Amino acid sequence: MYDPARGFPHVVVELAYADPDRAVDWLVGVFGFRLLLRQPATGTIRHADLDTGGGIVMVRSAGGRHTGACTGGHTCKQVIVWVPDVDAHFVRATAAGADIVAPVTDKPWGLRQYLVRDLEGHLWEFTRHLRDVPPHEWGAVTLP
């Protein structure tokens, strides 16, 4: 099941939540993710796998430790998810009452993106590829 040779992603994000049941319901309802696996099968979630439509986000229990928003107002965690229609995704999240941090914007590096904070403070960036832009055109360099 977790075999990259059979298509499982090579990089997976796992986020800890104080209330993983509520977090899974929120991520499925607001972002449209699909619940693939939950452990245990019944009762309070200790671990869950969610399909983002092109990747996997794992959710686990924080084990009684709150690990949401960082102190001092900065972001501890950020997840970037590519979606086919970032505008429709933004409308869905907004309609569901999500905490929008930055509206949908075209970026100079060729992506269309928006930022949203989930119910425990994790920052999510939903993005869509618009065009390839050479790094030097937006102030970056590629390294050998």
N, C-alpha and C. Protein backbone atom coordinates (compact mmCIF):
# COMPACT_ATOMS: atom_id res chain seq x y z
N MET A 1 0.80 -1.19 0.00
CA MET A 1 0.00 0.00 0.00
C MET A 1 0.85 1.27 0.00
N TYR A 2 1.87 1.33 0.84
CA TYR A 2 2.73 2.51 0.94
C TYR A 2 3.99 2.36 0.10
N ASP A 3 3.90 1.74 -1.04
CA ASP A 3 5.06 1.43 -1.88
C ASP A 3 5.21 2.45 -3.01
N PRO A 4 6.24 3.31 -2.97
CA PRO A 4 6.45 4.27 -4.05
C PRO A 4 6.62 3.61 -5.42
N ALA A 5 7.11 2.39 -5.45
CA ALA A 5 7.26 1.69 -6.73
C ALA A 5 5.90 1.39 -7.36
N ARG A 6 4.85 1.44 -6.56
CA ARG A 6 3.49 1.19 -7.05
C ARG A 6 2.64 2.46 -7.07
N GLY A 7 3.30 3.62 -7.08
CA GLY A 7 2.57 4.87 -7.24
C GLY A 7 2.34 5.70 -5.98
N PHE A 8 2.72 5.17 -4.81
CA PHE A 8 2.55 5.98 -3.60
C PHE A 8 3.56 7.13 -3.67
N PRO A 9 3.15 8.35 -3.29
CA PRO A 9 4.05 9.51 -3.40
C PRO A 9 5.37 9.31 -2.66
N HIS A 10 6.40 9.90 -3.20
CA HIS A 10 7.72 9.83 -2.57
C HIS A 10 7.84 10.80 -1.40
N VAL A 11 7.04 11.82 -1.38
CA VAL A 11 7.01 12.78 -0.27
C VAL A 11 5.57 12.89 0.22
N VAL A 12 5.39 12.71 1.52
CA VAL A 12 4.07 12.77 2.13
C VAL A 12 4.16 13.66 3.36
N VAL A 13 3.17 14.49 3.55
CA VAL A 13 3.10 15.34 4.73
C VAL A 13 2.24 14.65 5.77
N GLU A 14 2.70 14.67 7.02
CA GLU A 14 1.88 14.19 8.13
C GLU A 14 1.72 15.35 9.11
N LEU A 15 0.47 15.67 9.43
CA LEU A 15 0.17 16.77 10.34
C LEU A 15 -0.48 16.23 11.60
N ALA A 16 -0.06 16.75 12.74
CA ALA A 16 -0.63 16.35 14.03
C ALA A 16 -1.72 17.33 14.42
N TYR A 17 -2.84 16.80 14.91
CA TYR A 17 -3.97 17.61 15.36
C TYR A 17 -4.39 17.19 16.75
N ALA A 18 -4.77 18.16 17.56
CA ALA A 18 -5.30 17.86 18.89
C ALA A 18 -6.60 17.07 18.77
N ASP A 19 -7.39 17.37 17.74
CA ASP A 19 -8.66 16.67 17.51
C ASP A 19 -8.65 16.12 16.08
N PRO A 20 -8.04 14.96 15.86
CA PRO A 20 -7.90 14.43 14.50
C PRO A 20 -9.24 14.10 13.84
N ASP A 21 -10.24 13.69 14.61
CA ASP A 21 -11.56 13.41 14.01
C ASP A 21 -12.14 14.68 13.39
N ARG A 22 -12.11 15.75 14.14
CA ARG A 22 -12.62 17.03 13.65
C ARG A 22 -11.78 17.53 12.47
N ALA A 23 -10.47 17.35 12.55
CA ALA A 23 -9.59 17.79 11.47
C ALA A 23 -9.89 17.04 10.18
N VAL A 24 -10.05 15.74 10.25
CA VAL A 24 -10.36 14.95 9.05
C VAL A 24 -11.70 15.39 8.46
N ASP A 25 -12.71 15.55 9.29
CA ASP A 25 -14.01 16.02 8.79
C ASP A 25 -13.86 17.38 8.11
N TRP A 26 -13.08 18.27 8.71
CA TRP A 26 -12.89 19.62 8.16
C TRP A 26 -12.14 19.56 6.84
N LEU A 27 -11.05 18.80 6.78
CA LEU A 27 -10.24 18.71 5.56
C LEU A 27 -11.04 18.09 4.41
N VAL A 28 -11.86 17.11 4.71
CA VAL A 28 -12.71 16.48 3.70
C VAL A 28 -13.82 17.45 3.27
N GLY A 29 -14.49 18.07 4.23
CA GLY A 29 -15.61 18.95 3.92
C GLY A 29 -15.21 20.26 3.26
N VAL A 30 -14.13 20.87 3.72
CA VAL A 30 -13.74 22.19 3.23
C VAL A 30 -12.85 22.11 2.00
N PHE A 31 -11.87 21.22 2.01
CA PHE A 31 -10.92 21.13 0.90
C PHE A 31 -11.28 20.07 -0.13
N GLY A 32 -12.25 19.21 0.19
CA GLY A 32 -12.66 18.18 -0.76
C GLY A 32 -11.74 16.98 -0.83
N PHE A 33 -10.88 16.81 0.18
CA PHE A 33 -10.02 15.63 0.20
C PHE A 33 -10.89 14.39 0.42
N ARG A 34 -10.32 13.22 0.08
CA ARG A 34 -11.05 11.96 0.22
C ARG A 34 -10.34 11.10 1.26
N LEU A 35 -11.09 10.62 2.23
CA LEU A 35 -10.53 9.76 3.26
C LEU A 35 -10.24 8.38 2.66
N LEU A 36 -8.98 7.98 2.72
CA LEU A 36 -8.56 6.68 2.17
C LEU A 36 -8.44 5.62 3.24
N LEU A 37 -7.97 6.01 4.42
CA LEU A 37 -7.67 5.04 5.47
C LEU A 37 -7.81 5.74 6.80
N ARG A 38 -8.34 5.04 7.77
CA ARG A 38 -8.38 5.57 9.14
C ARG A 38 -8.03 4.45 10.10
N GLN A 39 -7.32 4.77 11.15
CA GLN A 39 -6.92 3.79 12.15
C GLN A 39 -7.11 4.41 13.53
N PRO A 40 -7.89 3.79 14.39
CA PRO A 40 -8.60 2.54 14.16
C PRO A 40 -9.81 2.74 13.24
N ALA A 41 -10.38 1.61 12.83
CA ALA A 41 -11.52 1.65 11.90
C ALA A 41 -12.72 2.36 12.53
N THR A 42 -12.89 2.23 13.84
CA THR A 42 -13.96 2.94 14.55
C THR A 42 -13.35 3.60 15.79
N GLY A 43 -14.04 4.58 16.31
CA GLY A 43 -13.53 5.29 17.48
C GLY A 43 -12.68 6.49 17.04
N THR A 44 -11.95 7.04 17.99
CA THR A 44 -11.13 8.22 17.73
C THR A 44 -9.96 7.90 16.81
N ILE A 45 -9.77 8.74 15.81
CA ILE A 45 -8.69 8.54 14.83
C ILE A 45 -7.33 8.73 15.51
N ARG A 46 -6.45 7.77 15.31
CA ARG A 46 -5.05 7.93 15.69
C ARG A 46 -4.21 8.23 14.45
N HIS A 47 -4.68 7.75 13.29
CA HIS A 47 -3.98 7.99 12.02
C HIS A 47 -5.01 7.92 10.89
N ALA A 48 -4.86 8.80 9.90
CA ALA A 48 -5.72 8.77 8.72
C ALA A 48 -4.90 9.19 7.51
N ASP A 49 -5.24 8.62 6.35
CA ASP A 49 -4.64 9.02 5.07
C ASP A 49 -5.72 9.69 4.24
N LEU A 50 -5.41 10.87 3.70
CA LEU A 50 -6.34 11.61 2.87
C LEU A 50 -5.76 11.80 1.49
N ASP A 51 -6.58 11.56 0.46
CA ASP A 51 -6.18 11.77 -0.92
C ASP A 51 -6.50 13.21 -1.29
N THR A 52 -5.48 13.97 -1.73
CA THR A 52 -5.67 15.37 -2.10
C THR A 52 -6.04 15.53 -3.57
N GLY A 53 -6.07 14.43 -4.31
CA GLY A 53 -6.32 14.50 -5.74
C GLY A 53 -5.02 14.38 -6.53
N GLY A 54 -3.93 14.19 -5.88
CA GLY A 54 -2.64 14.04 -6.54
C GLY A 54 -1.54 13.74 -5.55
N GLY A 55 -1.90 13.64 -4.30
CA GLY A 55 -0.93 13.35 -3.24
C GLY A 55 -1.67 12.84 -2.02
N ILE A 56 -0.90 12.66 -0.96
CA ILE A 56 -1.44 12.12 0.28
C ILE A 56 -1.07 13.07 1.42
N VAL A 57 -2.05 13.34 2.29
CA VAL A 57 -1.79 14.01 3.55
C VAL A 57 -2.17 13.01 4.64
N MET A 58 -1.25 12.79 5.57
CA MET A 58 -1.53 11.92 6.71
C MET A 58 -1.87 12.80 7.90
N VAL A 59 -2.87 12.38 8.64
CA VAL A 59 -3.30 13.08 9.84
C VAL A 59 -3.07 12.14 11.01
N ARG A 60 -2.51 12.68 12.08
CA ARG A 60 -2.33 11.86 13.28
C ARG A 60 -2.76 12.65 14.50
N SER A 61 -2.95 11.93 15.57
CA SER A 61 -3.27 12.56 16.84
C SER A 61 -2.03 13.24 17.40
N ALA A 62 -2.22 14.40 17.99
CA ALA A 62 -1.12 15.09 18.64
C ALA A 62 -0.81 14.47 19.99
N GLY A 63 -1.57 13.46 20.36
CA GLY A 63 -1.30 12.76 21.61
C GLY A 63 -1.48 13.63 22.84
N GLY A 64 -2.46 14.54 22.79
CA GLY A 64 -2.70 15.41 23.93
C GLY A 64 -1.90 16.70 23.89
N ARG A 65 -0.91 16.79 23.01
CA ARG A 65 -0.11 18.01 22.88
C ARG A 65 -0.68 18.82 21.75
N HIS A 66 -1.03 20.06 22.01
CA HIS A 66 -1.54 20.93 20.93
C HIS A 66 -0.37 21.36 20.07
N THR A 67 -0.44 21.06 18.77
CA THR A 67 0.66 21.40 17.86
C THR A 67 0.19 22.25 16.71
N GLY A 68 -0.85 23.03 16.93
CA GLY A 68 -1.40 23.86 15.86
C GLY A 68 -0.57 25.09 15.61
N ALA A 69 -1.21 26.26 15.65
CA ALA A 69 -0.54 27.52 15.32
C ALA A 69 0.63 27.75 16.27
N CYS A 70 1.69 28.29 15.73
CA CYS A 70 2.87 28.60 16.52
C CYS A 70 2.62 29.82 17.38
N THR A 71 3.41 29.96 18.41
CA THR A 71 3.34 31.17 19.22
C THR A 71 4.01 32.29 18.45
N GLY A 72 3.63 33.50 18.74
CA GLY A 72 4.23 34.65 18.08
C GLY A 72 3.63 34.96 16.73
N GLY A 73 2.59 34.20 16.31
CA GLY A 73 1.88 34.51 15.09
C GLY A 73 2.54 34.03 13.81
N HIS A 74 3.66 33.32 13.88
CA HIS A 74 4.25 32.83 12.64
C HIS A 74 3.76 31.42 12.33
N THR A 75 4.01 30.97 11.13
CA THR A 75 3.51 29.67 10.69
C THR A 75 4.57 28.59 10.91
N CYS A 76 4.19 27.51 11.57
CA CYS A 76 5.09 26.38 11.79
C CYS A 76 5.08 25.43 10.61
N LYS A 77 3.91 25.25 10.02
CA LYS A 77 3.73 24.24 8.99
C LYS A 77 3.00 24.85 7.81
N GLN A 78 3.41 24.46 6.63
CA GLN A 78 2.69 24.87 5.43
C GLN A 78 2.70 23.70 4.47
N VAL A 79 1.54 23.43 3.90
CA VAL A 79 1.37 22.35 2.94
C VAL A 79 0.97 22.99 1.61
N ILE A 80 1.60 22.56 0.53
CA ILE A 80 1.27 23.06 -0.80
C ILE A 80 0.61 21.94 -1.59
N VAL A 81 -0.58 22.24 -2.12
CA VAL A 81 -1.36 21.24 -2.84
C VAL A 81 -1.73 21.81 -4.22
N TRP A 82 -1.39 21.07 -5.28
CA TRP A 82 -1.80 21.45 -6.63
C TRP A 82 -3.22 20.96 -6.87
N VAL A 83 -4.07 21.84 -7.41
CA VAL A 83 -5.45 21.49 -7.73
C VAL A 83 -5.73 21.91 -9.18
N PRO A 84 -6.66 21.23 -9.86
CA PRO A 84 -6.93 21.57 -11.26
C PRO A 84 -7.60 22.92 -11.46
N ASP A 85 -8.41 23.36 -10.48
CA ASP A 85 -9.13 24.64 -10.60
C ASP A 85 -9.04 25.37 -9.27
N VAL A 86 -8.01 26.19 -9.13
CA VAL A 86 -7.76 26.87 -7.86
C VAL A 86 -8.87 27.87 -7.53
N ASP A 87 -9.48 28.47 -8.55
CA ASP A 87 -10.57 29.42 -8.30
C ASP A 87 -11.79 28.72 -7.71
N ALA A 88 -12.16 27.59 -8.28
CA ALA A 88 -13.30 26.83 -7.75
C ALA A 88 -12.99 26.33 -6.34
N HIS A 89 -11.75 25.92 -6.11
CA HIS A 89 -11.35 25.46 -4.79
C HIS A 89 -11.46 26.59 -3.77
N PHE A 90 -11.03 27.78 -4.16
CA PHE A 90 -11.13 28.96 -3.30
C PHE A 90 -12.59 29.27 -2.95
N VAL A 91 -13.47 29.20 -3.95
CA VAL A 91 -14.88 29.46 -3.72
C VAL A 91 -15.44 28.45 -2.72
N ARG A 92 -15.09 27.18 -2.88
CA ARG A 92 -15.57 26.13 -1.98
C ARG A 92 -15.10 26.38 -0.55
N ALA A 93 -13.80 26.66 -0.40
CA ALA A 93 -13.24 26.88 0.94
C ALA A 93 -13.85 28.12 1.59
N THR A 94 -14.02 29.18 0.81
CA THR A 94 -14.60 30.42 1.33
C THR A 94 -16.04 30.19 1.76
N ALA A 95 -16.82 29.50 0.93
CA ALA A 95 -18.22 29.22 1.25
C ALA A 95 -18.35 28.38 2.51
N ALA A 96 -17.35 27.53 2.77
CA ALA A 96 -17.38 26.68 3.95
C ALA A 96 -16.88 27.41 5.20
N GLY A 97 -16.50 28.69 5.04
CA GLY A 97 -16.07 29.47 6.20
C GLY A 97 -14.61 29.35 6.55
N ALA A 98 -13.78 28.89 5.61
CA ALA A 98 -12.35 28.73 5.88
C ALA A 98 -11.71 30.09 6.17
N ASP A 99 -10.65 30.07 6.95
CA ASP A 99 -9.90 31.27 7.31
C ASP A 99 -8.92 31.60 6.18
N ILE A 100 -9.36 32.43 5.24
CA ILE A 100 -8.54 32.78 4.08
C ILE A 100 -7.46 33.77 4.54
N VAL A 101 -6.22 33.43 4.27
CA VAL A 101 -5.08 34.28 4.64
C VAL A 101 -4.72 35.21 3.49
N ALA A 102 -4.77 34.70 2.26
CA ALA A 102 -4.48 35.50 1.06
C ALA A 102 -5.37 34.98 -0.06
N PRO A 103 -6.04 35.89 -0.79
CA PRO A 103 -6.94 35.47 -1.87
C PRO A 103 -6.17 34.92 -3.06
N VAL A 104 -6.90 34.38 -4.01
CA VAL A 104 -6.30 33.83 -5.23
C VAL A 104 -5.55 34.94 -5.96
N THR A 105 -4.30 34.65 -6.29
CA THR A 105 -3.42 35.63 -6.93
C THR A 105 -2.51 34.92 -7.93
N ASP A 106 -2.30 35.56 -9.09
CA ASP A 106 -1.30 35.07 -10.04
C ASP A 106 0.07 35.52 -9.57
N LYS A 107 1.00 34.58 -9.46
CA LYS A 107 2.35 34.87 -8.97
C LYS A 107 3.31 35.02 -10.15
N PRO A 108 4.38 35.79 -9.99
CA PRO A 108 5.32 36.01 -11.08
C PRO A 108 6.04 34.74 -11.54
N TRP A 109 6.07 33.72 -10.72
CA TRP A 109 6.74 32.47 -11.09
C TRP A 109 5.82 31.52 -11.84
N GLY A 110 4.62 31.98 -12.24
CA GLY A 110 3.76 31.20 -13.12
C GLY A 110 2.70 30.36 -12.44
N LEU A 111 2.45 30.59 -11.16
CA LEU A 111 1.43 29.84 -10.44
C LEU A 111 0.30 30.77 -10.02
N ARG A 112 -0.89 30.21 -9.88
CA ARG A 112 -2.05 30.92 -9.33
C ARG A 112 -2.34 30.25 -8.00
N GLN A 113 -2.35 31.04 -6.90
CA GLN A 113 -2.36 30.46 -5.57
C GLN A 113 -3.25 31.24 -4.61
N TYR A 114 -3.68 30.54 -3.55
CA TYR A 114 -4.27 31.22 -2.39
C TYR A 114 -3.83 30.49 -1.13
N LEU A 115 -3.91 31.21 0.00
CA LEU A 115 -3.50 30.65 1.29
C LEU A 115 -4.69 30.61 2.23
N VAL A 116 -4.76 29.55 3.02
CA VAL A 116 -5.85 29.36 3.98
C VAL A 116 -5.27 28.66 5.21
N ARG A 117 -5.81 29.02 6.37
CA ARG A 117 -5.39 28.39 7.61
C ARG A 117 -6.48 27.40 8.04
N ASP A 118 -6.08 26.21 8.47
CA ASP A 118 -7.08 25.23 8.89
C ASP A 118 -7.46 25.45 10.35
N LEU A 119 -8.31 24.58 10.86
CA LEU A 119 -8.89 24.79 12.18
C LEU A 119 -7.89 24.73 13.32
N GLU A 120 -6.68 24.20 13.10
CA GLU A 120 -5.67 24.19 14.16
C GLU A 120 -4.43 25.00 13.79
N GLY A 121 -4.53 25.83 12.77
CA GLY A 121 -3.46 26.77 12.48
C GLY A 121 -2.48 26.38 11.40
N HIS A 122 -2.61 25.19 10.80
CA HIS A 122 -1.73 24.83 9.69
C HIS A 122 -2.05 25.70 8.49
N LEU A 123 -1.03 26.15 7.79
CA LEU A 123 -1.23 26.98 6.61
C LEU A 123 -1.20 26.10 5.36
N TRP A 124 -2.20 26.25 4.51
CA TRP A 124 -2.33 25.50 3.28
C TRP A 124 -2.27 26.46 2.11
N GLU A 125 -1.48 26.12 1.11
CA GLU A 125 -1.42 26.91 -0.12
C GLU A 125 -1.94 26.03 -1.25
N PHE A 126 -3.05 26.44 -1.85
CA PHE A 126 -3.60 25.72 -2.99
C PHE A 126 -3.16 26.45 -4.24
N THR A 127 -2.70 25.69 -5.24
CA THR A 127 -2.03 26.30 -6.38
C THR A 127 -2.36 25.58 -7.67
N ARG A 128 -2.22 26.32 -8.75
CA ARG A 128 -2.40 25.79 -10.10
C ARG A 128 -1.29 26.34 -10.98
N HIS A 129 -0.70 25.49 -11.80
CA HIS A 129 0.34 25.92 -12.73
C HIS A 129 -0.31 26.66 -13.89
N LEU A 130 0.16 27.88 -14.18
CA LEU A 130 -0.34 28.66 -15.31
C LEU A 130 0.60 28.59 -16.50
N ARG A 131 1.90 28.78 -16.23
CA ARG A 131 2.88 28.83 -17.31
C ARG A 131 4.28 28.66 -16.71
N ASP A 132 5.20 28.24 -17.54
CA ASP A 132 6.61 28.17 -17.12
C ASP A 132 7.22 29.55 -17.28
N VAL A 133 7.89 30.03 -16.24
CA VAL A 133 8.56 31.31 -16.26
C VAL A 133 10.02 31.07 -15.85
N PRO A 134 10.97 31.46 -16.68
CA PRO A 134 12.37 31.25 -16.31
C PRO A 134 12.68 31.91 -14.96
N PRO A 135 13.40 31.23 -14.08
CA PRO A 135 13.67 31.76 -12.74
C PRO A 135 14.26 33.17 -12.75
N HIS A 136 15.13 33.47 -13.71
CA HIS A 136 15.75 34.80 -13.71
C HIS A 136 14.72 35.91 -13.92
N GLU A 137 13.57 35.59 -14.51
CA GLU A 137 12.53 36.60 -14.76
C GLU A 137 11.76 36.98 -13.48
N TRP A 138 11.87 36.16 -12.44
CA TRP A 138 11.19 36.49 -11.20
C TRP A 138 12.17 36.57 -10.01
N GLY A 139 13.46 36.78 -10.35
CA GLY A 139 14.44 37.07 -9.31
C GLY A 139 15.07 35.89 -8.63
N ALA A 140 15.06 34.74 -9.28
CA ALA A 140 15.68 33.56 -8.69
C ALA A 140 16.78 33.04 -9.62
N VAL A 141 17.58 32.16 -9.11
CA VAL A 141 18.60 31.50 -9.92
C VAL A 141 18.49 30.01 -9.70
N THR A 142 18.87 29.25 -10.71
CA THR A 142 18.95 27.80 -10.56
C THR A 142 20.40 27.45 -10.25
N LEU A 143 20.58 26.46 -9.43
CA LEU A 143 21.91 26.06 -9.01
C LEU A 143 22.29 24.76 -9.69
N PRO A 144 23.58 24.59 -9.94
CA PRO A 144 24.02 23.35 -10.61
C PRO A 144 23.82 22.14 -9.74
